[in-house]
Amino acid sequence: MYQNDTEMLFPSRVIPSLKHLRGSNWKNLVESVADQSEGGTETLAFSLMMIRLAGCMTCHADSYRAMRGCTACAQQTVCRFRETDDGLIKLFKRAQKDVEAYLENGAKAEG
């Protein structure tokens, strides 16, 4: 079964669909990230956070998650997160640091 909404990893096009799922701090974060360019560090960090939360690395074409699609999976993941919005924001900030460190180390290796 092929699902049009399923990709290999969390797609940034899904980000705006997550803004009304939690409180105002979460909504502000999602809106801020959704306004960024697709390859921006905030977008990459948000995608990394969602990849970690949703387990995208273990998803495969015939899994239940893949059959439902990335949007439904991401929405369910955010809704089922047991901590507060601040917990999600901390995960985002950690992912942001990881992306920035990776980009910095990659730039050093090239230069």
PDB file of N, CA and C in Angstrom:
ATOM      1  N   MET A   1       0.851  -1.184   0.000  1.00  0.00           N
ATOM      2  CA  MET A   1       0.000   0.000   0.000  1.00  0.00           C
ATOM      3  C   MET A   1       0.886   1.233   0.000  1.00  0.00           C
ATOM      4  N   TYR A   2       0.608   2.178  -0.880  1.00  0.00           N
ATOM      5  CA  TYR A   2       1.386   3.403  -0.986  1.00  0.00           C
ATOM      6  C   TYR A   2       0.585   4.571  -0.422  1.00  0.00           C
ATOM      7  N   GLN A   3       1.215   5.339   0.436  1.00  0.00           N
ATOM      8  CA  GLN A   3       0.585   6.495   1.065  1.00  0.00           C
ATOM      9  C   GLN A   3       1.297   7.748   0.552  1.00  0.00           C
ATOM     10  N   ASN A   4       0.551   8.673  -0.048  1.00  0.00           N
ATOM     11  CA  ASN A   4       1.134   9.889  -0.610  1.00  0.00           C
ATOM     12  C   ASN A   4       1.793  10.774   0.440  1.00  0.00           C
ATOM     13  N   ASP A   5       1.412  10.628   1.696  1.00  0.00           N
ATOM     14  CA  ASP A   5       1.912  11.498   2.762  1.00  0.00           C
ATOM     15  C   ASP A   5       3.109  10.894   3.493  1.00  0.00           C
ATOM     16  N   THR A   6       3.673   9.805   2.995  1.00  0.00           N
ATOM     17  CA  THR A   6       4.775   9.140   3.682  1.00  0.00           C
ATOM     18  C   THR A   6       6.091   9.413   2.971  1.00  0.00           C
ATOM     19  N   GLU A   7       7.089   9.800   3.771  1.00  0.00           N
ATOM     20  CA  GLU A   7       8.435  10.044   3.253  1.00  0.00           C
ATOM     21  C   GLU A   7       9.440   9.276   4.094  1.00  0.00           C
ATOM     22  N   MET A   8      10.686   9.310   3.714  1.00  0.00           N
ATOM     23  CA  MET A   8      11.728   8.569   4.434  1.00  0.00           C
ATOM     24  C   MET A   8      11.930   9.093   5.852  1.00  0.00           C
ATOM     25  N   LEU A   9      11.970  10.406   6.008  1.00  0.00           N
ATOM     26  CA  LEU A   9      12.140  11.058   7.296  1.00  0.00           C
ATOM     27  C   LEU A   9      11.109  12.167   7.424  1.00  0.00           C
ATOM     28  N   PHE A  10      10.986  12.721   8.620  1.00  0.00           N
ATOM     29  CA  PHE A  10       9.993  13.758   8.870  1.00  0.00           C
ATOM     30  C   PHE A  10      10.115  14.899   7.861  1.00  0.00           C
ATOM     31  N   PRO A  11       9.051  15.175   7.102  1.00  0.00           N
ATOM     32  CA  PRO A  11       9.086  16.254   6.112  1.00  0.00           C
ATOM     33  C   PRO A  11       8.703  17.603   6.735  1.00  0.00           C
ATOM     34  N   SER A  12       9.448  18.638   6.407  1.00  0.00           N
ATOM     35  CA  SER A  12       9.189  19.965   6.985  1.00  0.00           C
ATOM     36  C   SER A  12       7.831  20.520   6.565  1.00  0.00           C
ATOM     37  N   ARG A  13       7.240  20.009   5.515  1.00  0.00           N
ATOM     38  CA  ARG A  13       5.922  20.490   5.082  1.00  0.00           C
ATOM     39  C   ARG A  13       4.829  20.184   6.118  1.00  0.00           C
ATOM     40  N   VAL A  14       5.113  19.262   7.034  1.00  0.00           N
ATOM     41  CA  VAL A  14       4.150  18.862   8.059  1.00  0.00           C
ATOM     42  C   VAL A  14       4.153  19.835   9.253  1.00  0.00           C
ATOM     43  N   ILE A  15       5.220  20.598   9.413  1.00  0.00           N
ATOM     44  CA  ILE A  15       5.381  21.464  10.586  1.00  0.00           C
ATOM     45  C   ILE A  15       4.152  22.338  10.855  1.00  0.00           C
ATOM     46  N   PRO A  16       3.616  23.076   9.879  1.00  0.00           N
ATOM     47  CA  PRO A  16       2.467  23.950  10.190  1.00  0.00           C
ATOM     48  C   PRO A  16       1.242  23.207  10.729  1.00  0.00           C
ATOM     49  N   SER A  17       1.092  21.944  10.389  1.00  0.00           N
ATOM     50  CA  SER A  17      -0.077  21.178  10.846  1.00  0.00           C
ATOM     51  C   SER A  17      -0.010  20.830  12.329  1.00  0.00           C
ATOM     52  N   LEU A  18       1.103  21.130  12.984  1.00  0.00           N
ATOM     53  CA  LEU A  18       1.288  20.762  14.383  1.00  0.00           C
ATOM     54  C   LEU A  18       1.019  21.911  15.353  1.00  0.00           C
ATOM     55  N   LYS A  19       0.734  23.100  14.837  1.00  0.00           N
ATOM     56  CA  LYS A  19       0.696  24.272  15.717  1.00  0.00           C
ATOM     57  C   LYS A  19      -0.483  24.328  16.673  1.00  0.00           C
ATOM     58  N   HIS A  20      -1.611  23.745  16.356  1.00  0.00           N
ATOM     59  CA  HIS A  20      -2.791  23.848  17.223  1.00  0.00           C
ATOM     60  C   HIS A  20      -2.958  22.646  18.167  1.00  0.00           C
ATOM     61  N   LEU A  21      -1.939  21.830  18.297  1.00  0.00           N
ATOM     62  CA  LEU A  21      -2.063  20.597  19.072  1.00  0.00           C
ATOM     63  C   LEU A  21      -1.751  20.761  20.551  1.00  0.00           C
ATOM     64  N   ARG A  22      -1.096  21.859  20.920  1.00  0.00           N
ATOM     65  CA  ARG A  22      -0.711  22.060  22.316  1.00  0.00           C
ATOM     66  C   ARG A  22      -0.941  23.522  22.686  1.00  0.00           C
ATOM     67  N   GLY A  23      -0.224  24.012  23.677  1.00  0.00           N
ATOM     68  CA  GLY A  23      -0.435  25.356  24.193  1.00  0.00           C
ATOM     69  C   GLY A  23       0.214  26.464  23.373  1.00  0.00           C
ATOM     70  N   SER A  24       0.176  27.670  23.910  1.00  0.00           N
ATOM     71  CA  SER A  24       0.643  28.847  23.179  1.00  0.00           C
ATOM     72  C   SER A  24       2.160  28.840  22.958  1.00  0.00           C
ATOM     73  N   ASN A  25       2.939  28.334  23.918  1.00  0.00           N
ATOM     74  CA  ASN A  25       4.397  28.279  23.718  1.00  0.00           C
ATOM     75  C   ASN A  25       4.747  27.383  22.533  1.00  0.00           C
ATOM     76  N   TRP A  26       4.077  26.253  22.460  1.00  0.00           N
ATOM     77  CA  TRP A  26       4.279  25.329  21.344  1.00  0.00           C
ATOM     78  C   TRP A  26       3.843  25.984  20.031  1.00  0.00           C
ATOM     79  N   LYS A  27       2.690  26.610  20.043  1.00  0.00           N
ATOM     80  CA  LYS A  27       2.182  27.263  18.838  1.00  0.00           C
ATOM     81  C   LYS A  27       3.162  28.325  18.354  1.00  0.00           C
ATOM     82  N   ASN A  28       3.712  29.113  19.274  1.00  0.00           N
ATOM     83  CA  ASN A  28       4.685  30.147  18.900  1.00  0.00           C
ATOM     84  C   ASN A  28       5.929  29.541  18.275  1.00  0.00           C
ATOM     85  N   LEU A  29       6.404  28.430  18.848  1.00  0.00           N
ATOM     86  CA  LEU A  29       7.574  27.758  18.285  1.00  0.00           C
ATOM     87  C   LEU A  29       7.282  27.260  16.874  1.00  0.00           C
ATOM     88  N   VAL A  30       6.166  26.580  16.712  1.00  0.00           N
ATOM     89  CA  VAL A  30       5.819  26.013  15.401  1.00  0.00           C
ATOM     90  C   VAL A  30       5.673  27.129  14.357  1.00  0.00           C
ATOM     91  N   GLU A  31       5.001  28.202  14.711  1.00  0.00           N
ATOM     92  CA  GLU A  31       4.842  29.318  13.774  1.00  0.00           C
ATOM     93  C   GLU A  31       6.181  29.920  13.397  1.00  0.00           C
ATOM     94  N   SER A  32       7.064  30.068  14.382  1.00  0.00           N
ATOM     95  CA  SER A  32       8.394  30.621  14.120  1.00  0.00           C
ATOM     96  C   SER A  32       9.178  29.737  13.163  1.00  0.00           C
ATOM     97  N   VAL A  33       9.155  28.439  13.406  1.00  0.00           N
ATOM     98  CA  VAL A  33       9.892  27.503  12.556  1.00  0.00           C
ATOM     99  C   VAL A  33       9.263  27.415  11.168  1.00  0.00           C
ATOM    100  N   ALA A  34       7.943  27.424  11.101  1.00  0.00           N
ATOM    101  CA  ALA A  34       7.258  27.317   9.812  1.00  0.00           C
ATOM    102  C   ALA A  34       7.554  28.514   8.908  1.00  0.00           C
ATOM    103  N   ASP A  35       7.902  29.641   9.506  1.00  0.00           N
ATOM    104  CA  ASP A  35       8.225  30.842   8.725  1.00  0.00           C
ATOM    105  C   ASP A  35       9.646  30.820   8.166  1.00  0.00           C
ATOM    106  N   GLN A  36      10.463  29.886   8.611  1.00  0.00           N
ATOM    107  CA  GLN A  36      11.851  29.795   8.165  1.00  0.00           C
ATOM    108  C   GLN A  36      11.937  29.077   6.818  1.00  0.00           C
ATOM    109  N   SER A  37      13.068  29.262   6.153  1.00  0.00           N
ATOM    110  CA  SER A  37      13.286  28.558   4.891  1.00  0.00           C
ATOM    111  C   SER A  37      13.482  27.070   5.159  1.00  0.00           C
ATOM    112  N   GLU A  38      13.243  26.252   4.165  1.00  0.00           N
ATOM    113  CA  GLU A  38      13.258  24.799   4.349  1.00  0.00           C
ATOM    114  C   GLU A  38      14.593  24.267   4.843  1.00  0.00           C
ATOM    115  N   GLY A  39      15.689  24.828   4.431  1.00  0.00           N
ATOM    116  CA  GLY A  39      17.000  24.328   4.856  1.00  0.00           C
ATOM    117  C   GLY A  39      17.598  25.076   6.023  1.00  0.00           C
ATOM    118  N   GLY A  40      16.826  25.962   6.642  1.00  0.00           N
ATOM    119  CA  GLY A  40      17.333  26.755   7.757  1.00  0.00           C
ATOM    120  C   GLY A  40      17.610  25.897   8.980  1.00  0.00           C
ATOM    121  N   THR A  41      18.458  26.401   9.873  1.00  0.00           N
ATOM    122  CA  THR A  41      18.840  25.607  11.038  1.00  0.00           C
ATOM    123  C   THR A  41      17.652  25.302  11.945  1.00  0.00           C
ATOM    124  N   GLU A  42      16.716  26.235  12.066  1.00  0.00           N
ATOM    125  CA  GLU A  42      15.545  25.972  12.911  1.00  0.00           C
ATOM    126  C   GLU A  42      14.675  24.864  12.311  1.00  0.00           C
ATOM    127  N   THR A  43      14.512  24.884  11.003  1.00  0.00           N
ATOM    128  CA  THR A  43      13.724  23.848  10.340  1.00  0.00           C
ATOM    129  C   THR A  43      14.415  22.489  10.468  1.00  0.00           C
ATOM    130  N   LEU A  44      15.724  22.474  10.282  1.00  0.00           N
ATOM    131  CA  LEU A  44      16.475  21.225  10.439  1.00  0.00           C
ATOM    132  C   LEU A  44      16.383  20.711  11.876  1.00  0.00           C
ATOM    133  N   ALA A  45      16.489  21.621  12.848  1.00  0.00           N
ATOM    134  CA  ALA A  45      16.406  21.227  14.252  1.00  0.00           C
ATOM    135  C   ALA A  45      15.018  20.676  14.584  1.00  0.00           C
ATOM    136  N   PHE A  46      13.975  21.315  14.086  1.00  0.00           N
ATOM    137  CA  PHE A  46      12.619  20.838  14.343  1.00  0.00           C
ATOM    138  C   PHE A  46      12.434  19.455  13.724  1.00  0.00           C
ATOM    139  N   SER A  47      12.925  19.288  12.510  1.00  0.00           N
ATOM    140  CA  SER A  47      12.821  17.977  11.859  1.00  0.00           C
ATOM    141  C   SER A  47      13.581  16.912  12.642  1.00  0.00           C
ATOM    142  N   LEU A  48      14.781  17.256  13.121  1.00  0.00           N
ATOM    143  CA  LEU A  48      15.565  16.309  13.917  1.00  0.00           C
ATOM    144  C   LEU A  48      14.822  15.934  15.190  1.00  0.00           C
ATOM    145  N   MET A  49      14.228  16.928  15.853  1.00  0.00           N
ATOM    146  CA  MET A  49      13.452  16.661  17.061  1.00  0.00           C
ATOM    147  C   MET A  49      12.309  15.695  16.762  1.00  0.00           C
ATOM    148  N   MET A  50      11.586  15.931  15.688  1.00  0.00           N
ATOM    149  CA  MET A  50      10.457  15.067  15.335  1.00  0.00           C
ATOM    150  C   MET A  50      10.927  13.683  14.903  1.00  0.00           C
ATOM    151  N   ILE A  51      12.049  13.599  14.215  1.00  0.00           N
ATOM    152  CA  ILE A  51      12.599  12.298  13.820  1.00  0.00           C
ATOM    153  C   ILE A  51      12.899  11.470  15.064  1.00  0.00           C
ATOM    154  N   ARG A  52      13.452  12.126  16.070  1.00  0.00           N
ATOM    155  CA  ARG A  52      13.761  11.437  17.323  1.00  0.00           C
ATOM    156  C   ARG A  52      12.487  11.039  18.062  1.00  0.00           C
ATOM    157  N   LEU A  53      11.545  11.969  18.165  1.00  0.00           N
ATOM    158  CA  LEU A  53      10.306  11.705  18.910  1.00  0.00           C
ATOM    159  C   LEU A  53       9.452  10.619  18.260  1.00  0.00           C
ATOM    160  N   ALA A  54       9.299  10.714  16.954  1.00  0.00           N
ATOM    161  CA  ALA A  54       8.391   9.809  16.239  1.00  0.00           C
ATOM    162  C   ALA A  54       9.051   8.487  15.857  1.00  0.00           C
ATOM    163  N   GLY A  55      10.363   8.406  15.983  1.00  0.00           N
ATOM    164  CA  GLY A  55      11.054   7.171  15.620  1.00  0.00           C
ATOM    165  C   GLY A  55      11.109   6.954  14.121  1.00  0.00           C
ATOM    166  N   CYS A  56      11.311   8.017  13.374  1.00  0.00           N
ATOM    167  CA  CYS A  56      11.318   7.922  11.910  1.00  0.00           C
ATOM    168  C   CYS A  56      12.382   6.963  11.381  1.00  0.00           C
ATOM    169  N   MET A  57      13.474   6.800  12.119  1.00  0.00           N
ATOM    170  CA  MET A  57      14.553   5.931  11.651  1.00  0.00           C
ATOM    171  C   MET A  57      14.133   4.460  11.615  1.00  0.00           C
ATOM    172  N   THR A  58      13.106   4.110  12.374  1.00  0.00           N
ATOM    173  CA  THR A  58      12.658   2.712  12.389  1.00  0.00           C
ATOM    174  C   THR A  58      11.379   2.504  11.580  1.00  0.00           C
ATOM    175  N   CYS A  59      10.889   3.537  10.951  1.00  0.00           N
ATOM    176  CA  CYS A  59       9.681   3.427  10.133  1.00  0.00           C
ATOM    177  C   CYS A  59      10.051   2.827   8.778  1.00  0.00           C
ATOM    178  N   HIS A  60       9.192   1.975   8.259  1.00  0.00           N
ATOM    179  CA  HIS A  60       9.431   1.382   6.941  1.00  0.00           C
ATOM    180  C   HIS A  60       8.110   1.291   6.180  1.00  0.00           C
ATOM    181  N   ALA A  61       8.198   1.072   4.900  1.00  0.00           N
ATOM    182  CA  ALA A  61       7.062   1.190   3.989  1.00  0.00           C
ATOM    183  C   ALA A  61       5.821   0.410   4.406  1.00  0.00           C
ATOM    184  N   ASP A  62       5.989  -0.745   5.010  1.00  0.00           N
ATOM    185  CA  ASP A  62       4.804  -1.533   5.356  1.00  0.00           C
ATOM    186  C   ASP A  62       4.430  -1.439   6.837  1.00  0.00           C
ATOM    187  N   SER A  63       4.988  -0.442   7.529  1.00  0.00           N
ATOM    188  CA  SER A  63       4.641  -0.263   8.942  1.00  0.00           C
ATOM    189  C   SER A  63       3.318   0.498   9.064  1.00  0.00           C
ATOM    190  N   TYR A  64       2.704   0.343  10.208  1.00  0.00           N
ATOM    191  CA  TYR A  64       1.439   1.037  10.473  1.00  0.00           C
ATOM    192  C   TYR A  64       1.621   2.552  10.369  1.00  0.00           C
ATOM    193  N   ARG A  65       2.727   3.057  10.913  1.00  0.00           N
ATOM    194  CA  ARG A  65       2.986   4.502  10.860  1.00  0.00           C
ATOM    195  C   ARG A  65       3.070   4.987   9.415  1.00  0.00           C
ATOM    196  N   ALA A  66       3.786   4.261   8.583  1.00  0.00           N
ATOM    197  CA  ALA A  66       3.939   4.662   7.186  1.00  0.00           C
ATOM    198  C   ALA A  66       2.612   4.608   6.439  1.00  0.00           C
ATOM    199  N   MET A  67       1.797   3.626   6.757  1.00  0.00           N
ATOM    200  CA  MET A  67       0.503   3.505   6.084  1.00  0.00           C
ATOM    201  C   MET A  67      -0.439   4.654   6.460  1.00  0.00           C
ATOM    202  N   ARG A  68      -0.284   5.186   7.663  1.00  0.00           N
ATOM    203  CA  ARG A  68      -1.105   6.327   8.087  1.00  0.00           C
ATOM    204  C   ARG A  68      -0.599   7.631   7.491  1.00  0.00           C
ATOM    205  N   GLY A  69       0.716   7.751   7.281  1.00  0.00           N
ATOM    206  CA  GLY A  69       1.304   8.953   6.716  1.00  0.00           C
ATOM    207  C   GLY A  69       2.030   9.783   7.759  1.00  0.00           C
ATOM    208  N   CYS A  70       2.932  10.614   7.290  1.00  0.00           N
ATOM    209  CA  CYS A  70       3.775  11.421   8.174  1.00  0.00           C
ATOM    210  C   CYS A  70       2.970  12.451   8.966  1.00  0.00           C
ATOM    211  N   THR A  71       1.971  13.062   8.359  1.00  0.00           N
ATOM    212  CA  THR A  71       1.195  14.087   9.054  1.00  0.00           C
ATOM    213  C   THR A  71       0.468  13.488  10.247  1.00  0.00           C
ATOM    214  N   ALA A  72      -0.240  12.392  10.036  1.00  0.00           N
ATOM    215  CA  ALA A  72      -0.978  11.740  11.129  1.00  0.00           C
ATOM    216  C   ALA A  72      -0.025  11.238  12.206  1.00  0.00           C
ATOM    217  N   CYS A  73       1.095  10.680  11.816  1.00  0.00           N
ATOM    218  CA  CYS A  73       2.074  10.168  12.768  1.00  0.00           C
ATOM    219  C   CYS A  73       2.637  11.312  13.625  1.00  0.00           C
ATOM    220  N   ALA A  74       3.016  12.413  12.982  1.00  0.00           N
ATOM    221  CA  ALA A  74       3.578  13.551  13.704  1.00  0.00           C
ATOM    222  C   ALA A  74       2.556  14.165  14.659  1.00  0.00           C
ATOM    223  N   GLN A  75       1.333  14.291  14.204  1.00  0.00           N
ATOM    224  CA  GLN A  75       0.290  14.852  15.060  1.00  0.00           C
ATOM    225  C   GLN A  75       0.053  13.967  16.274  1.00  0.00           C
ATOM    226  N   GLN A  76      -0.006  12.668  16.064  1.00  0.00           N
ATOM    227  CA  GLN A  76      -0.197  11.733  17.166  1.00  0.00           C
ATOM    228  C   GLN A  76       0.997  11.789  18.125  1.00  0.00           C
ATOM    229  N   THR A  77       2.186  11.891  17.595  1.00  0.00           N
ATOM    230  CA  THR A  77       3.391  11.956  18.424  1.00  0.00           C
ATOM    231  C   THR A  77       3.364  13.185  19.324  1.00  0.00           C
ATOM    232  N   VAL A  78       3.024  14.335  18.758  1.00  0.00           N
ATOM    233  CA  VAL A  78       2.983  15.571  19.539  1.00  0.00           C
ATOM    234  C   VAL A  78       1.877  15.504  20.590  1.00  0.00           C
ATOM    235  N   CYS A  79       0.724  15.004  20.213  1.00  0.00           N
ATOM    236  CA  CYS A  79      -0.398  14.900  21.157  1.00  0.00           C
ATOM    237  C   CYS A  79      -0.090  13.938  22.305  1.00  0.00           C
ATOM    238  N   ARG A  80       0.611  12.879  22.026  1.00  0.00           N
ATOM    239  CA  ARG A  80       0.893  11.861  23.044  1.00  0.00           C
ATOM    240  C   ARG A  80       2.123  12.165  23.894  1.00  0.00           C
ATOM    241  N   PHE A  81       2.846  13.226  23.574  1.00  0.00           N
ATOM    242  CA  PHE A  81       4.027  13.581  24.367  1.00  0.00           C
ATOM    243  C   PHE A  81       3.582  13.886  25.787  1.00  0.00           C
ATOM    244  N   ARG A  82       4.137  13.188  26.742  1.00  0.00           N
ATOM    245  CA  ARG A  82       3.623  13.228  28.116  1.00  0.00           C
ATOM    246  C   ARG A  82       4.104  14.407  28.941  1.00  0.00           C
ATOM    247  N   GLU A  83       5.101  15.104  28.482  1.00  0.00           N
ATOM    248  CA  GLU A  83       5.596  16.250  29.239  1.00  0.00           C
ATOM    249  C   GLU A  83       4.882  17.523  28.799  1.00  0.00           C
ATOM    250  N   THR A  84       5.258  18.626  29.406  1.00  0.00           N
ATOM    251  CA  THR A  84       4.667  19.926  29.071  1.00  0.00           C
ATOM    252  C   THR A  84       5.237  20.441  27.753  1.00  0.00           C
ATOM    253  N   ASP A  85       4.680  21.562  27.317  1.00  0.00           N
ATOM    254  CA  ASP A  85       5.221  22.231  26.128  1.00  0.00           C
ATOM    255  C   ASP A  85       6.682  22.608  26.333  1.00  0.00           C
ATOM    256  N   ASP A  86       7.020  22.992  27.565  1.00  0.00           N
ATOM    257  CA  ASP A  86       8.411  23.335  27.867  1.00  0.00           C
ATOM    258  C   ASP A  86       9.332  22.143  27.622  1.00  0.00           C
ATOM    259  N   GLY A  87       8.848  20.949  27.876  1.00  0.00           N
ATOM    260  CA  GLY A  87       9.621  19.743  27.596  1.00  0.00           C
ATOM    261  C   GLY A  87       9.894  19.582  26.109  1.00  0.00           C
ATOM    262  N   LEU A  88       8.885  19.854  25.297  1.00  0.00           N
ATOM    263  CA  LEU A  88       9.071  19.806  23.845  1.00  0.00           C
ATOM    264  C   LEU A  88      10.040  20.885  23.382  1.00  0.00           C
ATOM    265  N   ILE A  89       9.926  22.062  23.959  1.00  0.00           N
ATOM    266  CA  ILE A  89      10.804  23.168  23.578  1.00  0.00           C
ATOM    267  C   ILE A  89      12.250  22.857  23.966  1.00  0.00           C
ATOM    268  N   LYS A  90      12.458  22.196  25.101  1.00  0.00           N
ATOM    269  CA  LYS A  90      13.808  21.779  25.488  1.00  0.00           C
ATOM    270  C   LYS A  90      14.369  20.775  24.485  1.00  0.00           C
ATOM    271  N   LEU A  91      13.531  19.856  24.030  1.00  0.00           N
ATOM    272  CA  LEU A  91      13.982  18.903  23.012  1.00  0.00           C
ATOM    273  C   LEU A  91      14.347  19.623  21.717  1.00  0.00           C
ATOM    274  N   PHE A  92      13.572  20.641  21.365  1.00  0.00           N
ATOM    275  CA  PHE A  92      13.883  21.429  20.170  1.00  0.00           C
ATOM    276  C   PHE A  92      15.229  22.129  20.338  1.00  0.00           C
ATOM    277  N   LYS A  93      15.449  22.748  21.496  1.00  0.00           N
ATOM    278  CA  LYS A  93      16.708  23.469  21.731  1.00  0.00           C
ATOM    279  C   LYS A  93      17.900  22.523  21.712  1.00  0.00           C
ATOM    280  N   ARG A  94      17.722  21.317  22.228  1.00  0.00           N
ATOM    281  CA  ARG A  94      18.796  20.318  22.166  1.00  0.00           C
ATOM    282  C   ARG A  94      19.083  19.946  20.715  1.00  0.00           C
ATOM    283  N   ALA A  95      18.039  19.731  19.937  1.00  0.00           N
ATOM    284  CA  ALA A  95      18.213  19.411  18.517  1.00  0.00           C
ATOM    285  C   ALA A  95      18.876  20.577  17.784  1.00  0.00           C
ATOM    286  N   GLN A  96      18.518  21.797  18.174  1.00  0.00           N
ATOM    287  CA  GLN A  96      19.109  22.988  17.565  1.00  0.00           C
ATOM    288  C   GLN A  96      20.618  23.020  17.835  1.00  0.00           C
ATOM    289  N   LYS A  97      21.010  22.732  19.061  1.00  0.00           N
ATOM    290  CA  LYS A  97      22.441  22.685  19.398  1.00  0.00           C
ATOM    291  C   LYS A  97      23.141  21.584  18.613  1.00  0.00           C
ATOM    292  N   ASP A  98      22.486  20.443  18.465  1.00  0.00           N
ATOM    293  CA  ASP A  98      23.077  19.338  17.711  1.00  0.00           C
ATOM    294  C   ASP A  98      23.276  19.708  16.242  1.00  0.00           C
ATOM    295  N   VAL A  99      22.298  20.369  15.660  1.00  0.00           N
ATOM    296  CA  VAL A  99      22.408  20.791  14.254  1.00  0.00           C
ATOM    297  C   VAL A  99      23.512  21.821  14.101  1.00  0.00           C
ATOM    298  N   GLU A 100      23.541  22.801  14.995  1.00  0.00           N
ATOM    299  CA  GLU A 100      24.574  23.840  14.920  1.00  0.00           C
ATOM    300  C   GLU A 100      25.972  23.246  15.090  1.00  0.00           C
ATOM    301  N   ALA A 101      26.126  22.305  16.017  1.00  0.00           N
ATOM    302  CA  ALA A 101      27.421  21.647  16.218  1.00  0.00           C
ATOM    303  C   ALA A 101      27.824  20.857  14.977  1.00  0.00           C
ATOM    304  N   TYR A 102      26.873  20.169  14.390  1.00  0.00           N
ATOM    305  CA  TYR A 102      27.164  19.408  13.175  1.00  0.00           C
ATOM    306  C   TYR A 102      27.583  20.328  12.039  1.00  0.00           C
ATOM    307  N   LEU A 103      26.857  21.415  11.862  1.00  0.00           N
ATOM    308  CA  LEU A 103      27.181  22.355  10.788  1.00  0.00           C
ATOM    309  C   LEU A 103      28.535  23.020  11.025  1.00  0.00           C
ATOM    310  N   GLU A 104      28.835  23.323  12.266  1.00  0.00           N
ATOM    311  CA  GLU A 104      30.122  23.936  12.597  1.00  0.00           C
ATOM    312  C   GLU A 104      31.276  22.964  12.353  1.00  0.00           C
ATOM    313  N   ASN A 105      31.120  21.720  12.795  1.00  0.00           N
ATOM    314  CA  ASN A 105      32.167  20.722  12.593  1.00  0.00           C
ATOM    315  C   ASN A 105      32.336  20.367  11.128  1.00  0.00           C
ATOM    316  N   GLY A 106      31.223  20.353  10.389  1.00  0.00           N
ATOM    317  CA  GLY A 106      31.293  20.087   8.954  1.00  0.00           C
ATOM    318  C   GLY A 106      32.029  21.182   8.228  1.00  0.00           C
ATOM    319  N   ALA A 107      31.810  22.437   8.635  1.00  0.00           N
ATOM    320  CA  ALA A 107      32.491  23.575   8.009  1.00  0.00           C
ATOM    321  C   ALA A 107      33.991  23.516   8.293  1.00  0.00           C
ATOM    322  N   LYS A 108      34.399  23.080   9.501  1.00  0.00           N
ATOM    323  CA  LYS A 108      35.811  22.962   9.844  1.00  0.00           C
ATOM    324  C   LYS A 108      36.473  21.870   9.026  1.00  0.00           C
ATOM    325  N   ALA A 109      35.773  20.773   8.817  1.00  0.00           N
ATOM    326  CA  ALA A 109      36.332  19.664   8.069  1.00  0.00           C
ATOM    327  C   ALA A 109      36.554  20.029   6.606  1.00  0.00           C
ATOM    328  N   GLU A 110      35.677  20.882   6.059  1.00  0.00           N
ATOM    329  CA  GLU A 110      35.793  21.285   4.657  1.00  0.00           C
ATOM    330  C   GLU A 110      36.875  22.352   4.466  1.00  0.00           C
ATOM    331  N   GLY A 111      37.052  23.185   5.478  1.00  0.00           N
ATOM    332  CA  GLY A 111      37.954  24.334   5.341  1.00  0.00           C
ATOM    333  C   GLY A 111      39.266  24.041   5.862  1.00  0.00           C
TER     334      GLY A 111
END
